Protein backbone atom coordinates (compact mmCIF):
# COMPACT_ATOMS: atom_id res chain seq x y z
CA MET A 1 -11.17 -7.86 -8.16
CA ILE A 2 -11.45 -10.51 -5.45
CA PHE A 3 -11.56 -14.21 -6.33
CA PHE A 4 -12.84 -16.83 -3.89
CA SER A 5 -12.25 -19.83 -6.17
CA LYS A 6 -9.02 -20.89 -4.38
CA ILE A 7 -11.01 -21.45 -1.14
CA LYS A 8 -12.25 -25.02 -1.63
CA GLN A 9 -14.43 -25.58 1.44
CA GLU A 10 -17.87 -24.04 0.93
CA TRP A 11 -18.33 -23.22 4.63
CA VAL A 12 -15.02 -21.34 4.72
CA LYS A 13 -15.85 -19.56 1.46
CA TYR A 14 -19.24 -18.48 2.85
CA LEU A 15 -17.64 -16.99 6.01
CA VAL A 16 -14.82 -15.32 4.10
CA LYS A 17 -17.34 -13.73 1.73
CA LYS A 18 -19.29 -12.33 4.68
CA TYR A 19 -16.04 -11.07 6.19
CA ILE A 20 -14.88 -9.43 2.96
CA HIS A 21 -18.35 -7.92 2.48
CA HIS A 22 -18.12 -6.44 5.94
CA LEU A 23 -14.68 -4.97 5.19
CA CYS A 24 -16.04 -3.46 1.95
CA LYS A 25 -18.88 -1.79 3.83
CA LEU A 26 -16.18 -0.20 6.05
CA ASN A 27 -14.44 1.16 2.90
CA THR A 28 -11.34 -0.92 3.60
CA PRO A 29 -8.66 -0.32 0.93
CA LEU A 30 -8.42 -3.00 -1.76
CA ASN A 31 -4.77 -3.81 -0.97
CA THR A 32 -5.73 -4.47 2.67
CA ILE A 33 -8.57 -6.71 1.55
CA GLY A 34 -6.12 -8.51 -0.71
CA LYS A 35 -3.84 -9.19 2.31
CA HIS A 36 -6.82 -10.51 4.28
CA MET A 37 -7.75 -12.76 1.39
CA THR A 38 -4.23 -14.15 1.20
CA SER A 39 -4.33 -15.01 4.92
CA MET A 40 -7.73 -16.62 4.56
CA ARG A 41 -6.53 -18.74 1.63
CA PHE A 42 -3.57 -19.93 3.74
CA LEU A 43 -5.96 -20.88 6.53
CA SER A 44 -8.35 -22.53 4.15
CA ARG A 45 -5.57 -24.70 2.68
CA TYR A 46 -4.44 -25.68 6.13
CA LEU A 47 -7.97 -26.53 7.30
CA LEU A 48 -8.50 -28.66 4.17
CA LYS A 49 -5.20 -30.45 4.78
CA ILE A 50 -6.15 -31.42 8.35
CA LYS A 51 -9.76 -32.22 7.38
CA ILE A 52 -11.60 -29.57 9.44
CA THR A 53 -15.21 -29.48 8.29
CA ASP A 54 -16.80 -26.83 10.51
CA ILE A 55 -15.75 -23.67 12.31
CA LYS A 56 -16.78 -25.24 15.59
CA GLN A 57 -13.79 -27.60 15.23
CA ILE A 58 -11.29 -24.73 15.17
CA ASN A 59 -9.58 -24.24 18.52
CA ARG A 60 -6.39 -22.64 19.83
CA SER A 61 -4.36 -25.76 19.21
CA ILE A 62 -5.27 -25.75 15.52
CA ILE A 63 -4.44 -22.06 15.22
CA LEU A 64 -1.04 -22.62 16.89
CA ASP A 65 -0.31 -25.54 14.57
CA PHE A 66 -1.32 -23.40 11.60
CA LEU A 67 1.07 -20.63 12.71
CA ALA A 68 3.86 -23.20 13.13
CA SER A 69 3.30 -24.26 9.54
CA LEU A 70 3.94 -20.75 8.21
CA PRO A 71 7.32 -20.01 6.63
CA ASN A 72 8.44 -16.77 8.30
CA LYS A 73 7.72 -14.34 11.14
CA GLU A 74 6.40 -11.57 8.89
CA SER A 75 3.92 -14.08 7.44
CA ILE A 76 2.82 -15.07 10.98
CA LYS A 77 2.25 -11.46 12.03
CA SER A 78 0.12 -10.80 8.94
CA ARG A 79 -1.92 -14.01 9.29
CA LEU A 80 -2.53 -13.38 12.98
CA TRP A 81 -3.74 -9.86 12.32
CA THR A 82 -6.27 -11.12 9.82
CA LEU A 83 -7.42 -14.14 11.85
CA ARG A 84 -7.89 -12.13 15.05
CA GLU A 85 -10.00 -9.59 13.17
CA PHE A 86 -11.94 -12.29 11.34
CA PHE A 87 -12.75 -14.18 14.53
CA THR A 88 -13.66 -10.97 16.39
CA ILE A 89 -15.94 -9.65 13.65
CA GLY A 90 -17.48 -13.07 13.08
CA THR A 91 -18.38 -13.38 16.70
CA LEU A 92 -19.66 -9.75 17.02
CA GLN A 93 -21.78 -10.16 13.90
CA GLU A 94 -22.95 -13.57 15.23
CA TRP A 95 -21.85 -15.51 12.12
CA PHE A 96 -20.28 -18.05 14.53
CA VAL A 97 -19.24 -18.45 18.12
CA ILE A 98 -15.57 -18.99 18.87
CA ASP A 99 -13.39 -18.50 21.90
CA GLN A 100 -12.08 -14.90 21.90
CA ASP A 101 -8.89 -16.12 23.51
CA ILE A 102 -8.08 -18.27 20.46
CA ILE A 103 -5.43 -15.73 19.43
CA ARG A 104 -3.55 -13.94 22.17
CA SER A 105 -1.25 -10.94 22.08
CA GLU A 106 1.72 -13.11 23.08
CA ASP A 107 1.19 -15.13 19.88
CA TYR A 108 2.56 -12.26 17.77
CA PRO A 109 6.30 -12.54 17.07
CA LYS A 110 8.41 -10.29 19.24
CA ARG A 111 10.42 -7.54 17.54
CA LYS A 112 14.00 -7.66 18.61
CA ARG A 113 15.35 -4.30 19.56
CA THR A 114 19.00 -3.92 18.91
CA ASN A 115 21.43 -1.43 20.37
CA PRO A 116 21.73 1.70 18.23
CA ASP A 117 24.86 2.11 16.20
CA PRO A 118 27.35 4.23 18.13
CA ILE A 119 28.29 7.61 16.72
CA SER A 120 31.87 7.46 15.45
CA ASP A 121 34.50 9.50 17.28
CA ILE A 122 35.15 11.56 14.11
CA VAL A 123 31.48 12.56 13.79
CA ARG A 124 31.17 13.28 17.53
CA GLU A 125 34.32 15.47 17.45
CA GLN A 126 33.05 17.44 14.40
CA ILE A 127 29.66 18.04 16.07
CA GLU A 128 31.38 19.31 19.24
CA LYS A 129 33.76 21.45 17.20
CA HIS A 130 30.90 23.09 15.31
CA LEU A 131 28.25 23.09 18.07
CA HIS A 132 28.08 26.89 18.03
CA LYS A 133 26.86 26.77 14.37
CA LEU A 134 23.86 24.61 15.25
CA PRO A 135 20.46 26.15 16.16
CA ASP A 136 20.17 26.56 19.93
CA PRO A 137 17.46 23.88 20.46
CA ILE A 138 19.54 21.28 18.57
CA ALA A 139 22.76 22.26 20.35
CA ARG A 140 21.01 21.95 23.71
CA MET A 141 19.59 18.58 22.69
CA TRP A 142 23.08 17.38 21.75
CA ILE A 143 24.58 18.54 25.03
CA ILE A 144 21.88 16.90 27.11
CA ALA A 145 22.03 13.62 25.09
CA PHE A 146 25.84 13.57 25.30
CA PHE A 147 25.99 14.09 29.05
CA THR A 148 23.20 11.65 29.80
CA ALA A 149 24.72 9.07 27.37
CA MET A 150 21.51 8.81 25.37
CA ARG A 151 21.47 8.32 21.63
CA GLN A 152 18.47 8.33 19.38
CA ALA A 153 17.68 4.89 17.98
């Protein structure tokens, strides 16, 4: 069940209902729709707080301020995913006109890649000692990886 009562502005509620209806026609899973609703409620609260009264007032600056107000990076990623889809679908369906550059790829938080944990010397020695017991493709993979200093992440 989807509840729209927490979205206070009627114009936002109207657009969110159209968006959710569109997602339902695409057979979007209910848990995904729930995530989209959560993101739209966050946006709605923020727009109410800064007294935005029409979608035409939303610009990139407002979106960036909204993102800055979110508590954590995972939250930002989820909200951006929803908003980008909402703005894209809304524009394509001609519910409103908004700059398609309002959310950019570089707005998404970057995932930090860390170095893989090194294989301990004990494990490495045991693999080398029992290399003949491994299936040939795996043994070859180990030898190539070892001599090229590559480790799977």
